[in-house]
Protein backbone atom coordinates (compact mmCIF):
# COMPACT_ATOMS: atom_id res chain seq x y z
CA UNK A 1 6.83 16.35 3.45
CA UNK A 2 3.95 15.10 5.55
CA UNK A 3 2.99 11.49 5.01
CA UNK A 4 -0.65 11.62 3.94
CA UNK A 5 -0.82 7.82 3.80
CA UNK A 6 -0.28 7.13 7.51
CA UNK A 7 -3.71 5.54 7.87
CA UNK A 8 -3.29 3.27 4.86
CA UNK A 9 -2.08 0.12 6.71
CA UNK A 10 -5.27 -0.12 8.77
CA UNK A 11 -7.57 0.53 5.82
CA UNK A 12 -5.57 -1.96 3.76
CA UNK A 13 -5.91 -4.67 6.40
CA UNK A 14 -9.67 -4.13 6.43
CA UNK A 15 -9.67 -4.35 2.66
CA UNK A 16 -7.73 -7.60 2.71
CA UNK A 17 -10.23 -9.16 5.06
CA UNK A 18 -12.78 -8.73 2.31
CA UNK A 19 -10.76 -10.34 -0.45
CA UNK A 20 -9.54 -8.69 -3.64
CA UNK A 21 -12.83 -6.99 -4.38
CA UNK A 22 -12.02 -7.07 -8.10
CA UNK A 23 -13.94 -10.00 -9.52
CA UNK A 24 -17.01 -9.52 -11.62
CA UNK A 25 -18.77 -12.13 -9.51
CA UNK A 26 -17.91 -10.29 -6.29
CA UNK A 27 -19.04 -6.92 -7.59
CA UNK A 28 -22.15 -8.24 -9.30
CA UNK A 29 -23.17 -10.06 -6.15
CA UNK A 30 -22.66 -6.99 -4.00
CA UNK A 31 -24.39 -4.58 -6.34
CA UNK A 32 -27.34 -6.81 -7.03
CA UNK A 33 -27.73 -7.51 -3.33
CA UNK A 34 -27.90 -11.28 -3.71
CA UNK A 35 -28.18 -12.97 -0.36
CA UNK A 36 -26.99 -16.49 -1.00
CA UNK A 37 -23.57 -18.09 -0.78
CA UNK A 38 -22.33 -21.65 -1.02
CA UNK A 39 -22.35 -23.47 2.30
CA UNK A 40 -19.68 -25.92 3.42
CA UNK A 41 -21.60 -28.84 1.94
CA UNK A 42 -22.42 -27.13 -1.31
CA UNK A 43 -25.83 -25.95 -0.15
CA UNK A 44 -26.98 -22.39 0.28
CA UNK A 45 -26.87 -20.19 3.32
CA UNK A 46 -28.04 -16.67 3.95
CA UNK A 47 -25.57 -13.85 3.53
CA UNK A 48 -24.17 -12.14 6.62
CA UNK A 49 -26.00 -9.07 7.79
CA UNK A 50 -24.77 -5.70 6.59
CA UNK A 51 -21.62 -4.54 8.36
CA UNK A 52 -22.23 -0.84 7.79
CA UNK A 53 -18.76 -0.45 6.31
CA UNK A 54 -18.81 0.81 2.73
CA UNK A 55 -16.17 -0.19 0.20
CA UNK A 56 -15.65 1.39 -3.23
CA UNK A 57 -15.33 -1.13 -6.07
CA UNK A 58 -15.14 -0.96 -9.83
CA UNK A 59 -17.90 -2.73 -11.73
CA UNK A 60 -17.29 -4.53 -15.01
CA UNK A 61 -18.87 -1.64 -16.94
CA UNK A 62 -16.41 0.84 -15.46
CA UNK A 63 -18.55 2.43 -12.74
CA UNK A 64 -17.29 3.08 -9.21
CA UNK A 65 -19.93 2.04 -6.69
CA UNK A 66 -20.13 1.67 -2.92
CA UNK A 67 -21.14 -1.71 -1.52
CA UNK A 68 -21.34 -3.17 1.94
CA UNK A 69 -18.18 -4.92 3.03
CA UNK A 70 -20.10 -8.03 4.14
CA UNK A 71 -21.30 -8.62 0.60
CA UNK A 72 -17.80 -8.70 -0.87
CA UNK A 73 -16.76 -11.35 1.62
CA UNK A 74 -19.15 -13.79 -0.05
CA UNK A 75 -16.74 -14.33 -2.92
CA UNK A 76 -13.69 -14.95 -0.75
CA UNK A 77 -11.88 -18.16 -1.73
CA UNK A 78 -11.48 -21.09 0.61
CA UNK A 79 -7.73 -20.72 1.08
CA UNK A 80 -7.19 -24.46 1.62
CA UNK A 81 -3.71 -25.97 1.44
CA UNK A 82 -2.68 -26.55 -2.16
CA UNK A 83 -0.35 -29.48 -2.82
CA UNK A 84 2.55 -29.31 -5.31
CA UNK A 85 0.51 -31.17 -7.92
CA UNK A 86 -2.55 -28.95 -7.41
CA UNK A 87 -0.39 -25.82 -7.62
CA UNK A 88 0.09 -26.45 -11.36
CA UNK A 89 -3.56 -25.53 -11.88
CA UNK A 90 -4.13 -21.79 -11.98
CA UNK A 91 -7.10 -20.03 -10.42
CA UNK A 92 -9.86 -20.37 -13.06
CA UNK A 93 -10.86 -17.31 -15.05
CA UNK A 94 -7.98 -15.18 -13.79
CA UNK A 95 -5.01 -13.48 -15.46
CA UNK A 96 -3.06 -11.58 -12.83
CA UNK A 97 -1.18 -8.35 -13.48
CA UNK A 98 0.87 -5.88 -11.43
CA UNK A 99 1.34 -2.16 -12.02
CA UNK A 100 4.13 -0.23 -10.26
CA UNK A 101 3.80 3.54 -9.93
CA UNK A 102 7.37 4.88 -9.90
CA UNK A 103 6.20 8.37 -8.94
CA UNK A 104 5.15 7.10 -5.50
CA UNK A 105 8.14 4.97 -4.51
CA UNK A 106 10.45 6.34 -1.80
CA UNK A 107 12.29 3.08 -1.07
CA UNK A 108 10.47 2.43 2.20
CA UNK A 109 11.41 -1.27 1.70
CA UNK A 110 8.23 -2.45 3.43
CA UNK A 111 7.46 -4.58 0.37
CA UNK A 112 10.78 -6.39 0.77
CA UNK A 113 10.30 -6.92 4.49
CA UNK A 114 6.78 -8.28 4.06
CA UNK A 115 7.95 -10.65 1.34
CA UNK A 116 10.84 -11.93 3.44
CA UNK A 117 8.65 -12.42 6.49
CA UNK A 118 5.82 -14.11 4.61
CA UNK A 119 8.12 -16.50 2.76
CA UNK A 120 10.60 -17.09 5.61
CA UNK A 121 13.49 -15.74 3.56
CA UNK A 122 16.96 -15.00 4.89
CA UNK A 123 17.71 -11.28 5.01
CA UNK A 124 20.14 -11.58 2.12
CA UNK A 125 17.47 -13.13 -0.12
CA UNK A 126 15.25 -10.54 -1.75
CA UNK A 127 12.55 -11.72 -4.12
CA UNK A 128 11.36 -8.13 -4.39
CA UNK A 129 14.24 -5.75 -5.03
CA UNK A 130 14.32 -1.96 -5.14
CA UNK A 131 16.98 -0.35 -7.32
CA UNK A 132 18.10 3.26 -7.52
CA UNK A 133 18.03 4.02 -11.24
CA UNK A 134 19.48 6.85 -13.29
CA UNK A 135 19.43 6.44 -17.05
CA UNK A 136 22.15 9.05 -17.73
CA UNK A 137 24.21 11.67 -15.92
CA UNK A 138 21.78 14.37 -16.97
CA UNK A 139 18.52 12.55 -16.12
CA UNK A 140 16.65 12.35 -12.85
CA UNK A 141 17.15 9.33 -10.55
CA UNK A 142 14.23 7.26 -9.31
CA UNK A 143 13.49 4.16 -7.24
CA UNK A 144 12.62 1.05 -9.22
CA UNK A 145 10.90 -1.91 -7.46
CA UNK A 146 11.43 -5.19 -9.32
CA UNK A 147 9.65 -8.49 -8.57
CA UNK A 148 9.50 -11.51 -10.85
CA UNK A 149 7.77 -10.37 -14.05
CA UNK A 150 5.69 -13.56 -14.55
CA UNK A 151 6.15 -13.37 -18.30
CA UNK A 152 3.65 -14.74 -20.79
CA UNK A 153 6.60 -16.01 -22.82
CA UNK A 154 8.97 -16.99 -20.01
CA UNK A 155 12.46 -18.11 -21.03
CA UNK A 156 12.94 -19.63 -17.58
CA UNK A 157 10.22 -22.17 -18.34
CA UNK A 158 11.53 -23.05 -21.78
CA UNK A 159 15.08 -23.76 -20.56
CA UNK A 160 14.24 -25.80 -17.45
CA UNK A 161 15.25 -29.39 -18.29
CA UNK A 162 13.08 -31.07 -15.65
CA UNK A 163 9.89 -29.02 -15.72
CA UNK A 164 10.50 -27.56 -12.25
CA UNK A 165 9.63 -24.09 -13.51
CA UNK A 166 6.17 -23.82 -15.01
CA UNK A 167 3.55 -21.27 -16.01
CA UNK A 168 -0.10 -21.54 -15.02
CA UNK A 169 -3.28 -20.50 -16.79
CA UNK A 170 -3.65 -17.48 -14.47
CA UNK A 171 -0.27 -16.13 -15.61
CA UNK A 172 1.75 -17.00 -12.51
CA UNK A 173 5.15 -18.64 -12.96
CA UNK A 174 6.16 -20.98 -10.13
CA UNK A 175 9.09 -23.20 -9.18
CA UNK A 176 8.55 -26.68 -7.75
CA UNK A 177 11.62 -27.24 -5.59
CA UNK A 178 10.72 -30.93 -5.29
CA UNK A 179 11.70 -31.17 -8.96
CA UNK A 180 14.41 -28.50 -9.12
CA UNK A 181 17.90 -29.96 -9.61
CA UNK A 182 19.78 -26.70 -9.12
CA UNK A 183 21.17 -26.44 -12.66
CA UNK A 184 20.52 -22.66 -12.70
CA UNK A 185 19.48 -22.69 -16.36
CA UNK A 186 16.41 -20.66 -15.39
CA UNK A 187 18.62 -18.05 -13.74
CA UNK A 188 20.72 -17.62 -16.86
CA UNK A 189 17.59 -17.56 -19.04
CA UNK A 190 15.83 -14.85 -17.04
CA UNK A 191 16.66 -11.39 -18.47
CA UNK A 192 15.42 -9.71 -15.29
CA UNK A 193 17.67 -11.53 -12.79
CA UNK A 194 14.57 -12.23 -10.73
CA UNK A 195 15.75 -15.50 -9.18
CA UNK A 196 17.78 -16.34 -6.09
CA UNK A 197 19.77 -19.54 -5.56
CA UNK A 198 19.75 -21.26 -2.18
CA UNK A 199 23.42 -22.09 -1.79
CA UNK A 200 22.89 -23.25 1.77
CA UNK A 201 20.07 -24.50 3.90
CA UNK A 202 18.09 -21.39 4.86
CA UNK A 203 18.85 -20.46 8.46
CA UNK A 204 15.30 -19.63 9.39
CA UNK A 205 12.77 -21.33 11.62
CA UNK A 206 9.70 -22.79 9.95
CA UNK A 207 6.50 -23.77 11.79
CA UNK A 208 6.65 -27.47 12.64
CA UNK A 209 3.38 -28.18 10.85
CA UNK A 210 4.22 -26.27 7.67
CA UNK A 211 3.59 -28.22 4.47
CA UNK A 212 5.47 -27.47 1.28
CA UNK A 213 3.61 -25.85 -1.60
CA UNK A 214 5.05 -24.02 -4.63
CA UNK A 215 2.32 -21.42 -4.18
CA UNK A 216 4.07 -20.10 -1.09
CA UNK A 217 7.47 -21.58 -1.93
CA UNK A 218 8.29 -22.54 1.64
CA UNK A 219 10.09 -24.28 3.17
CA UNK A 220 12.98 -23.38 0.86
CA UNK A 221 15.49 -26.12 0.07
CA UNK A 222 19.25 -26.05 -0.28
CA UNK A 223 20.46 -26.28 -3.87
CA UNK A 224 17.24 -24.96 -5.44
CA UNK A 225 15.99 -21.69 -6.92
CA UNK A 226 13.52 -19.30 -5.32
CA UNK A 227 11.68 -16.24 -6.62
CA UNK A 228 8.61 -14.03 -6.30
CA UNK A 229 5.43 -16.08 -6.66
CA UNK A 230 2.91 -13.20 -6.71
CA UNK A 231 1.85 -14.65 -3.33
CA UNK A 232 -0.29 -17.28 -5.05
CA UNK A 233 -1.29 -18.64 -1.64
CA UNK A 234 -2.79 -15.25 -0.76
CA UNK A 235 -4.63 -15.06 -4.06
CA UNK A 236 -6.29 -18.41 -3.27
CA UNK A 237 -7.85 -16.66 -0.28
CA UNK A 238 -8.88 -13.59 -2.23
CA UNK A 239 -6.16 -11.46 -0.65
CA UNK A 240 -3.58 -9.13 -2.14
CA UNK A 241 0.10 -10.12 -2.40
CA UNK A 242 2.13 -9.31 0.69
CA UNK A 243 4.20 -6.61 -1.01
CA UNK A 244 1.10 -4.78 -2.23
CA UNK A 245 -0.57 -4.89 1.18
CA UNK A 246 2.57 -3.71 2.98
CA UNK A 247 3.50 -0.72 0.79
CA UNK A 248 2.62 2.46 2.76
CA UNK A 249 2.77 4.63 -0.36
CA UNK A 250 0.35 2.70 -2.57
CA UNK A 251 3.08 2.11 -5.16
CA UNK A 252 1.97 -1.39 -6.14
CA UNK A 253 -1.33 -2.15 -7.88
CA UNK A 254 -2.47 -5.72 -8.42
CA UNK A 255 -5.45 -7.24 -10.15
CA UNK A 256 -6.94 -9.17 -13.03
CA UNK A 257 -6.25 -8.02 -16.58
CA UNK A 258 -9.28 -9.98 -17.85
CA UNK A 259 -11.53 -7.86 -15.65
CA UNK A 260 -9.52 -4.72 -16.40
CA UNK A 261 -9.19 -3.89 -12.70
CA UNK A 262 -6.25 -3.29 -10.37
CA UNK A 263 -6.00 -2.04 -6.80
CA UNK A 264 -3.34 -0.91 -4.33
CA UNK A 265 -5.60 -1.72 -1.39
CA UNK A 266 -7.22 1.70 -1.09
CA UNK A 267 -7.81 2.69 -4.71
CA UNK A 268 -9.40 0.47 -7.36
CA UNK A 269 -9.07 1.57 -10.97
CA UNK A 270 -9.40 0.31 -14.52
CA UNK A 271 -6.12 -1.24 -15.63
CA UNK A 272 -6.46 -0.11 -19.26
CA UNK A 273 -7.19 3.50 -18.31
CA UNK A 274 -4.35 3.63 -15.81
CA UNK A 275 -1.86 2.40 -18.40
CA UNK A 276 -3.20 4.64 -21.15
CA UNK A 277 -3.55 7.81 -19.08
CA UNK A 278 -0.20 7.43 -17.31
CA UNK A 279 1.85 6.18 -20.29
CA UNK A 280 2.43 2.78 -18.73
CA UNK A 281 5.08 0.50 -20.16
CA UNK A 282 6.73 -2.89 -19.68
CA UNK A 283 10.42 -3.13 -18.78
CA UNK A 284 12.60 -4.52 -21.60
CA UNK A 285 9.51 -5.43 -23.58
CA UNK A 286 11.62 -5.57 -26.75
CA UNK A 287 12.98 -8.93 -25.57
CA UNK A 288 9.65 -10.56 -26.35
CA UNK A 289 9.03 -12.07 -22.91
CA UNK A 290 5.68 -10.28 -22.52
CA UNK A 291 5.95 -9.54 -18.78
CA UNK A 292 2.86 -9.24 -16.57
CA UNK A 293 4.35 -6.30 -14.65
CA UNK A 294 3.78 -2.75 -15.93
CA UNK A 295 5.38 0.51 -14.84
CA UNK A 296 4.07 4.07 -14.62
CA UNK A 297 6.82 6.65 -15.26
CA UNK A 298 8.27 8.64 -12.31
CA UNK A 299 6.54 11.88 -13.31
CA UNK A 300 5.56 14.43 -10.61
CA UNK A 301 7.17 12.31 -7.94
CA UNK A 302 5.64 12.51 -4.49
CA UNK A 303 8.92 12.00 -2.62
CA UNK A 304 12.51 13.12 -3.26
CA UNK A 305 14.97 10.36 -4.04
CA UNK A 306 17.14 11.46 -1.11
CA UNK A 307 14.49 10.43 1.42
CA UNK A 308 14.86 6.81 0.39
CA UNK A 309 18.64 6.86 0.57
CA UNK A 310 19.56 8.70 3.76
CA UNK A 311 17.92 6.20 6.09
CA UNK A 312 19.54 3.12 4.55
CA UNK A 313 22.05 0.99 6.42
CA UNK A 314 25.66 1.34 5.18
CA UNK A 315 25.65 -2.09 3.55
CA UNK A 316 22.60 -1.14 1.53
CA UNK A 317 24.04 2.22 0.53
CA UNK A 318 27.00 0.34 -0.91
CA UNK A 319 24.71 -1.03 -3.63
CA UNK A 320 24.13 2.42 -5.06
CA UNK A 321 27.61 3.93 -4.86
CA UNK A 322 28.12 3.92 -8.64
CA UNK A 323 24.85 5.68 -9.47
CA UNK A 324 25.76 9.07 -11.04
CA UNK A 325 23.35 10.89 -8.73
CA UNK A 326 25.09 9.51 -5.64
CA UNK A 327 28.56 10.20 -7.00
CA UNK A 328 27.76 13.76 -8.02
CA UNK A 329 25.85 14.99 -4.96
CA UNK A 330 26.67 15.75 -1.36
CA UNK A 331 24.62 12.87 -0.05
CA UNK A 332 26.38 11.00 2.72
CA UNK A 333 28.40 8.23 1.14
CA UNK A 334 28.59 4.75 2.69
């Protein structure tokens, strides 16, 4: 099957330079053609001249419009370093949400690689995982990406005895490793197994001038817990999480549930319509954790499951050896 998304990385990088492009302020400013933005001293400065590049965005009343890319850049956040204490304060007026389209996933693993690179993770630490799922012997297998679910009712927060794990107003759940004592209560409390324990000092090289912030969760520390942070540091700059930007298939959508908008970097849609029209659901929602990650069923899949298995390294294939589909087909075993 020909990859029709081969040009997505470049278009996605251009999109990221503009910020999320989801906020009502961003869209309203672009559509109305306002020409003022806050200057470095709080004053006003003229907007940059038109770039000529058109970007499709979703307005708050549900209309898709084209605006000049330079206008969207006006709303881009400052991206300044956020200290551990400041990281407890969520981005005002935001409630972040992720939607994962299972029909598009072919286990390219670019989301995992981008996460590991951006957070300086050892190769055996995966904050974003991709599982090969098959619900029964007679049902179809599918690839299932799984980040932290950033629950609205997170058990990990309620069981942490020192307040190292906390939830912000924008829905993001973070871990402050300055406070973490390594008790692993949060790991046992999480029904999604979304956390990784640093048994040893991570054998990775950090920039010498890197400052610690829970929003990026680096540098990691021995004897503490790490997990997906929705790339809160990227969101401060108006950029998409690393996994979303890296996915070549457009599997991952990210946005603001308050504004009813999500994007995969090339397509911006209404969150409510996407979930309603595609029968979206939340994994293990019956547990009452109220996760902020939604899934779209693997219907009319764009890629065969085999394409995401054959190219795996033997040690990765070993993970899936007990899946009925692998056991009952002629796929090359590890």
